[in-house]
Amino acid sequence: MTKTFNDADIGKIEFAYNAWTGRFNARINGIQATRADKRTLKVVDGEKVYLIFIYGNVFAGITFVCSKKRFVVTKKAPWYVYVLGLLPFVMTMVLGNIGALAELGFYYIGGAIGGGISAALSFLAIFFSAFANKHIWRLLILFGAIIITFLACWGLGNAFVETVRAASGA
């Protein structure tokens, strides 16, 4: 993710963040920044020395300060990202533990398998929706994780029951 800022005093600032590695990079007026430490970058432009102090993360929002000016790279993830992101996990823990549903022919896998699937999809949904700039994309990612979790655990539950029935000859 790269974002460009134009400042009257500093000039053109290009800030890049790699979500997979957590590495930051920047350029000021085309000059590449060097790493001063883990969260500080340094750019030497002739006689001017710019220090870029980086704050936050993908969930809390990423900002940086350069020449006593704060620049917002990403905003904080809204509350509904966490609520809807955890919904697949909660849904699996509830549906996977209702025995009456299985008696009615609705087989939904819970336990360690369903918990692992739903936890992974919940994490991925929260992670990817935190990067989305528009609310509609966040909602599509989150509802997609809910639907995929439901279909995966329901499909595995049915497949497991059919496998056991076939093996027992019933």
C-alpha atoms as a PDB file:
ATOM      1  CA  MET A   1       0.000   0.000   0.000  1.00  0.00           C
ATOM      2  CA  THR A   2       1.477   3.320  -1.074  1.00  0.00           C
ATOM      3  CA  LYS A   3       0.092   6.727  -0.248  1.00  0.00           C
ATOM      4  CA  THR A   4       1.329  10.085  -1.531  1.00  0.00           C
ATOM      5  CA  PHE A   5       1.159  13.371   0.368  1.00  0.00           C
ATOM      6  CA  ASN A   6       1.976  16.819  -0.978  1.00  0.00           C
ATOM      7  CA  ASP A   7       3.088  19.277   1.692  1.00  0.00           C
ATOM      8  CA  ALA A   8       3.920  22.944   1.062  1.00  0.00           C
ATOM      9  CA  ASP A   9       6.982  22.903   3.340  1.00  0.00           C
ATOM     10  CA  ILE A  10       8.343  19.396   2.814  1.00  0.00           C
ATOM     11  CA  GLY A  11       7.300  18.567  -0.745  1.00  0.00           C
ATOM     12  CA  LYS A  12       6.126  15.232  -2.120  1.00  0.00           C
ATOM     13  CA  ILE A  13       6.115  12.402   0.429  1.00  0.00           C
ATOM     14  CA  GLU A  14       5.544   8.843  -0.759  1.00  0.00           C
ATOM     15  CA  PHE A  15       4.867   6.442   2.100  1.00  0.00           C
ATOM     16  CA  ALA A  16       4.697   2.664   1.567  1.00  0.00           C
ATOM     17  CA  TYR A  17       3.588  -0.042   3.992  1.00  0.00           C
ATOM     18  CA  ASN A  18       3.779  -3.770   3.350  1.00  0.00           C
ATOM     19  CA  ALA A  19       1.060  -5.517   5.349  1.00  0.00           C
ATOM     20  CA  TRP A  20       2.652  -8.959   5.016  1.00  0.00           C
ATOM     21  CA  THR A  21       6.102  -8.019   6.293  1.00  0.00           C
ATOM     22  CA  GLY A  22       5.193  -4.989   8.420  1.00  0.00           C
ATOM     23  CA  ARG A  23       7.939  -2.958   6.759  1.00  0.00           C
ATOM     24  CA  PHE A  24       7.674   0.756   6.112  1.00  0.00           C
ATOM     25  CA  ASN A  25       9.364   2.762   3.408  1.00  0.00           C
ATOM     26  CA  ALA A  26       9.274   6.385   2.311  1.00  0.00           C
ATOM     27  CA  ARG A  27      10.552   8.858  -0.243  1.00  0.00           C
ATOM     28  CA  ILE A  28      10.668  12.617   0.077  1.00  0.00           C
ATOM     29  CA  ASN A  29      10.979  14.516  -3.202  1.00  0.00           C
ATOM     30  CA  GLY A  30      12.193  11.320  -4.867  1.00  0.00           C
ATOM     31  CA  ILE A  31      14.939  10.627  -2.307  1.00  0.00           C
ATOM     32  CA  GLN A  32      14.766   7.187  -0.710  1.00  0.00           C
ATOM     33  CA  ALA A  33      14.584   7.027   3.081  1.00  0.00           C
ATOM     34  CA  THR A  34      17.046   4.992   5.105  1.00  0.00           C
ATOM     35  CA  ARG A  35      16.117   3.142   8.261  1.00  0.00           C
ATOM     36  CA  ALA A  36      17.274   4.902  11.452  1.00  0.00           C
ATOM     37  CA  ASP A  37      15.563   2.294  13.649  1.00  0.00           C
ATOM     38  CA  LYS A  38      12.514   0.041  13.486  1.00  0.00           C
ATOM     39  CA  ARG A  39       9.954   2.888  13.515  1.00  0.00           C
ATOM     40  CA  THR A  40      12.062   5.812  12.269  1.00  0.00           C
ATOM     41  CA  LEU A  41      13.145   6.643   8.746  1.00  0.00           C
ATOM     42  CA  LYS A  42      15.676   9.298   7.716  1.00  0.00           C
ATOM     43  CA  VAL A  43      15.866  11.286   4.483  1.00  0.00           C
ATOM     44  CA  VAL A  44      18.762  13.621   3.647  1.00  0.00           C
ATOM     45  CA  ASP A  45      17.748  16.168   0.992  1.00  0.00           C
ATOM     46  CA  GLY A  46      20.775  18.379   0.448  1.00  0.00           C
ATOM     47  CA  GLU A  47      21.202  20.262   3.728  1.00  0.00           C
ATOM     48  CA  LYS A  48      17.768  19.281   5.017  1.00  0.00           C
ATOM     49  CA  VAL A  49      17.402  16.183   7.163  1.00  0.00           C
ATOM     50  CA  TYR A  50      13.934  14.764   7.618  1.00  0.00           C
ATOM     51  CA  LEU A  51      13.093  12.226  10.305  1.00  0.00           C
ATOM     52  CA  ILE A  52       9.913  10.234   9.807  1.00  0.00           C
ATOM     53  CA  PHE A  53       8.465   8.755  13.027  1.00  0.00           C
ATOM     54  CA  ILE A  54       5.930   5.983  12.400  1.00  0.00           C
ATOM     55  CA  TYR A  55       3.073   5.203  14.810  1.00  0.00           C
ATOM     56  CA  GLY A  56       0.315   2.603  14.994  1.00  0.00           C
ATOM     57  CA  ASN A  57      -0.526  -0.520  13.074  1.00  0.00           C
ATOM     58  CA  VAL A  58      -3.153  -1.715  10.647  1.00  0.00           C
ATOM     59  CA  PHE A  59      -5.804  -2.052  13.385  1.00  0.00           C
ATOM     60  CA  ALA A  60      -5.085   1.154  15.333  1.00  0.00           C
ATOM     61  CA  GLY A  61      -4.387   3.157  12.188  1.00  0.00           C
ATOM     62  CA  ILE A  62      -0.997   4.099  10.772  1.00  0.00           C
ATOM     63  CA  THR A  63       0.294   7.658  11.032  1.00  0.00           C
ATOM     64  CA  PHE A  64       3.683   9.254  10.702  1.00  0.00           C
ATOM     65  CA  VAL A  65       5.197  12.538  11.814  1.00  0.00           C
ATOM     66  CA  CYS A  66       7.640  14.465   9.669  1.00  0.00           C
ATOM     67  CA  SER A  67       8.792  18.001  10.527  1.00  0.00           C
ATOM     68  CA  LYS A  68       6.241  18.203  13.356  1.00  0.00           C
ATOM     69  CA  LYS A  69       3.372  17.458  10.955  1.00  0.00           C
ATOM     70  CA  ARG A  70       1.149  14.401  11.334  1.00  0.00           C
ATOM     71  CA  PHE A  71       0.080  12.457   8.247  1.00  0.00           C
ATOM     72  CA  VAL A  72      -2.623   9.761   8.352  1.00  0.00           C
ATOM     73  CA  VAL A  73      -1.867   6.715   6.215  1.00  0.00           C
ATOM     74  CA  THR A  74      -4.736   4.494   7.374  1.00  0.00           C
ATOM     75  CA  LYS A  75      -7.567   5.151   9.774  1.00  0.00           C
ATOM     76  CA  LYS A  76      -8.420   3.041  12.789  1.00  0.00           C
ATOM     77  CA  ALA A  77     -10.570   0.022  11.988  1.00  0.00           C
ATOM     78  CA  PRO A  78     -14.184   0.759  13.010  1.00  0.00           C
ATOM     79  CA  TRP A  79     -15.919  -1.179  15.795  1.00  0.00           C
ATOM     80  CA  TYR A  80     -18.121  -3.202  13.451  1.00  0.00           C
ATOM     81  CA  VAL A  81     -15.034  -4.835  11.911  1.00  0.00           C
ATOM     82  CA  TYR A  82     -14.351  -6.628  15.190  1.00  0.00           C
ATOM     83  CA  VAL A  83     -17.989  -7.480  15.919  1.00  0.00           C
ATOM     84  CA  LEU A  84     -18.716  -8.895  12.463  1.00  0.00           C
ATOM     85  CA  GLY A  85     -15.230 -10.402  12.264  1.00  0.00           C
ATOM     86  CA  LEU A  86     -15.772 -12.475  15.397  1.00  0.00           C
ATOM     87  CA  LEU A  87     -19.271 -13.549  14.344  1.00  0.00           C
ATOM     88  CA  PRO A  88     -18.105 -16.607  12.312  1.00  0.00           C
ATOM     89  CA  PHE A  89     -16.236 -17.942  15.350  1.00  0.00           C
ATOM     90  CA  VAL A  90     -19.153 -17.357  17.729  1.00  0.00           C
ATOM     91  CA  MET A  91     -21.613 -18.790  15.195  1.00  0.00           C
ATOM     92  CA  THR A  92     -19.586 -21.993  14.890  1.00  0.00           C
ATOM     93  CA  MET A  93     -19.211 -22.387  18.634  1.00  0.00           C
ATOM     94  CA  VAL A  94     -22.979 -22.055  19.084  1.00  0.00           C
ATOM     95  CA  LEU A  95     -24.238 -24.082  16.105  1.00  0.00           C
ATOM     96  CA  GLY A  96     -21.642 -26.805  16.598  1.00  0.00           C
ATOM     97  CA  ASN A  97     -22.837 -27.435  20.150  1.00  0.00           C
ATOM     98  CA  ILE A  98     -26.601 -27.668  19.650  1.00  0.00           C
ATOM     99  CA  GLY A  99     -27.387 -31.375  19.585  1.00  0.00           C
ATOM    100  CA  ALA A 100     -31.041 -30.791  18.691  1.00  0.00           C
ATOM    101  CA  LEU A 101     -29.967 -29.492  15.267  1.00  0.00           C
ATOM    102  CA  ALA A 102     -28.203 -32.774  14.510  1.00  0.00           C
ATOM    103  CA  GLU A 103     -31.316 -34.708  15.518  1.00  0.00           C
ATOM    104  CA  LEU A 104     -33.277 -32.630  12.994  1.00  0.00           C
ATOM    105  CA  GLY A 105     -30.794 -33.452  10.203  1.00  0.00           C
ATOM    106  CA  PHE A 106     -28.779 -30.197  10.295  1.00  0.00           C
ATOM    107  CA  TYR A 107     -25.156 -31.271  10.632  1.00  0.00           C
ATOM    108  CA  TYR A 108     -22.721 -28.485  11.478  1.00  0.00           C
ATOM    109  CA  ILE A 109     -19.170 -29.330  12.465  1.00  0.00           C
ATOM    110  CA  GLY A 110     -17.914 -27.607  15.590  1.00  0.00           C
ATOM    111  CA  GLY A 111     -15.219 -28.522  18.056  1.00  0.00           C
ATOM    112  CA  ALA A 112     -11.578 -28.243  17.099  1.00  0.00           C
ATOM    113  CA  ILE A 113     -12.170 -28.518  13.344  1.00  0.00           C
ATOM    114  CA  GLY A 114     -14.995 -25.992  13.181  1.00  0.00           C
ATOM    115  CA  GLY A 115     -13.236 -23.755  15.692  1.00  0.00           C
ATOM    116  CA  GLY A 116     -10.053 -23.791  13.643  1.00  0.00           C
ATOM    117  CA  ILE A 117     -11.873 -23.009  10.403  1.00  0.00           C
ATOM    118  CA  SER A 118     -13.942 -20.236  11.940  1.00  0.00           C
ATOM    119  CA  ALA A 119     -11.002 -18.725  13.842  1.00  0.00           C
ATOM    120  CA  ALA A 120      -8.882 -18.623  10.686  1.00  0.00           C
ATOM    121  CA  LEU A 121     -11.653 -17.037   8.644  1.00  0.00           C
ATOM    122  CA  SER A 122     -12.441 -14.563  11.436  1.00  0.00           C
ATOM    123  CA  PHE A 123      -8.799 -13.502  11.599  1.00  0.00           C
ATOM    124  CA  LEU A 124      -8.511 -13.148   7.834  1.00  0.00           C
ATOM    125  CA  ALA A 125     -11.750 -11.166   7.638  1.00  0.00           C
ATOM    126  CA  ILE A 126     -10.632  -8.722  10.323  1.00  0.00           C
ATOM    127  CA  PHE A 127      -7.164  -8.416   8.798  1.00  0.00           C
ATOM    128  CA  PHE A 128      -8.302  -7.788   5.219  1.00  0.00           C
ATOM    129  CA  SER A 129     -11.212  -5.526   6.146  1.00  0.00           C
ATOM    130  CA  ALA A 130      -8.856  -3.354   8.186  1.00  0.00           C
ATOM    131  CA  PHE A 131      -7.071  -2.536   4.906  1.00  0.00           C
ATOM    132  CA  ALA A 132     -10.222  -1.731   2.950  1.00  0.00           C
ATOM    133  CA  ASN A 133     -10.776   1.991   2.493  1.00  0.00           C
ATOM    134  CA  LYS A 134     -14.516   1.928   1.862  1.00  0.00           C
ATOM    135  CA  HIS A 135     -17.160   0.652   4.250  1.00  0.00           C
ATOM    136  CA  ILE A 136     -18.909  -1.380   1.540  1.00  0.00           C
ATOM    137  CA  TRP A 137     -15.722  -3.389   0.881  1.00  0.00           C
ATOM    138  CA  ARG A 138     -15.278  -4.006   4.598  1.00  0.00           C
ATOM    139  CA  LEU A 139     -18.844  -5.249   4.888  1.00  0.00           C
ATOM    140  CA  LEU A 140     -18.499  -7.497   1.827  1.00  0.00           C
ATOM    141  CA  ILE A 141     -15.326  -9.063   3.245  1.00  0.00           C
ATOM    142  CA  LEU A 142     -16.898  -9.596   6.668  1.00  0.00           C
ATOM    143  CA  PHE A 143     -20.197 -11.016   5.392  1.00  0.00           C
ATOM    144  CA  GLY A 144     -18.256 -13.162   2.929  1.00  0.00           C
ATOM    145  CA  ALA A 145     -16.322 -14.699   5.827  1.00  0.00           C
ATOM    146  CA  ILE A 146     -19.586 -15.401   7.661  1.00  0.00           C
ATOM    147  CA  ILE A 147     -21.090 -17.125   4.608  1.00  0.00           C
ATOM    148  CA  ILE A 148     -17.921 -19.095   3.792  1.00  0.00           C
ATOM    149  CA  THR A 149     -17.602 -20.241   7.407  1.00  0.00           C
ATOM    150  CA  PHE A 150     -21.216 -21.368   7.509  1.00  0.00           C
ATOM    151  CA  LEU A 151     -20.993 -23.254   4.206  1.00  0.00           C
ATOM    152  CA  ALA A 152     -17.644 -24.874   5.074  1.00  0.00           C
ATOM    153  CA  CYS A 153     -18.713 -26.113   8.515  1.00  0.00           C
ATOM    154  CA  TRP A 154     -22.143 -27.194   7.308  1.00  0.00           C
ATOM    155  CA  GLY A 155     -20.627 -28.989   4.297  1.00  0.00           C
ATOM    156  CA  LEU A 156     -18.001 -30.717   6.438  1.00  0.00           C
ATOM    157  CA  GLY A 157     -20.670 -31.725   8.955  1.00  0.00           C
ATOM    158  CA  ASN A 158     -22.759 -33.334   6.218  1.00  0.00           C
ATOM    159  CA  ALA A 159     -19.700 -34.977   4.639  1.00  0.00           C
ATOM    160  CA  PHE A 160     -18.637 -36.387   8.003  1.00  0.00           C
ATOM    161  CA  VAL A 161     -22.077 -37.813   8.731  1.00  0.00           C
ATOM    162  CA  GLU A 162     -22.364 -39.352   5.224  1.00  0.00           C
ATOM    163  CA  THR A 163     -18.871 -40.868   5.570  1.00  0.00           C
ATOM    164  CA  VAL A 164     -19.793 -42.454   8.907  1.00  0.00           C
ATOM    165  CA  ARG A 165     -23.106 -43.743   7.471  1.00  0.00           C
ATOM    166  CA  ALA A 166     -21.350 -45.240   4.451  1.00  0.00           C
ATOM    167  CA  ALA A 167     -18.693 -46.863   6.628  1.00  0.00           C
ATOM    168  CA  SER A 168     -21.267 -48.375   8.972  1.00  0.00           C
ATOM    169  CA  GLY A 169     -23.404 -49.602   6.093  1.00  0.00           C
ATOM    170  CA  ALA A 170     -26.537 -47.807   7.280  1.00  0.00           C
END
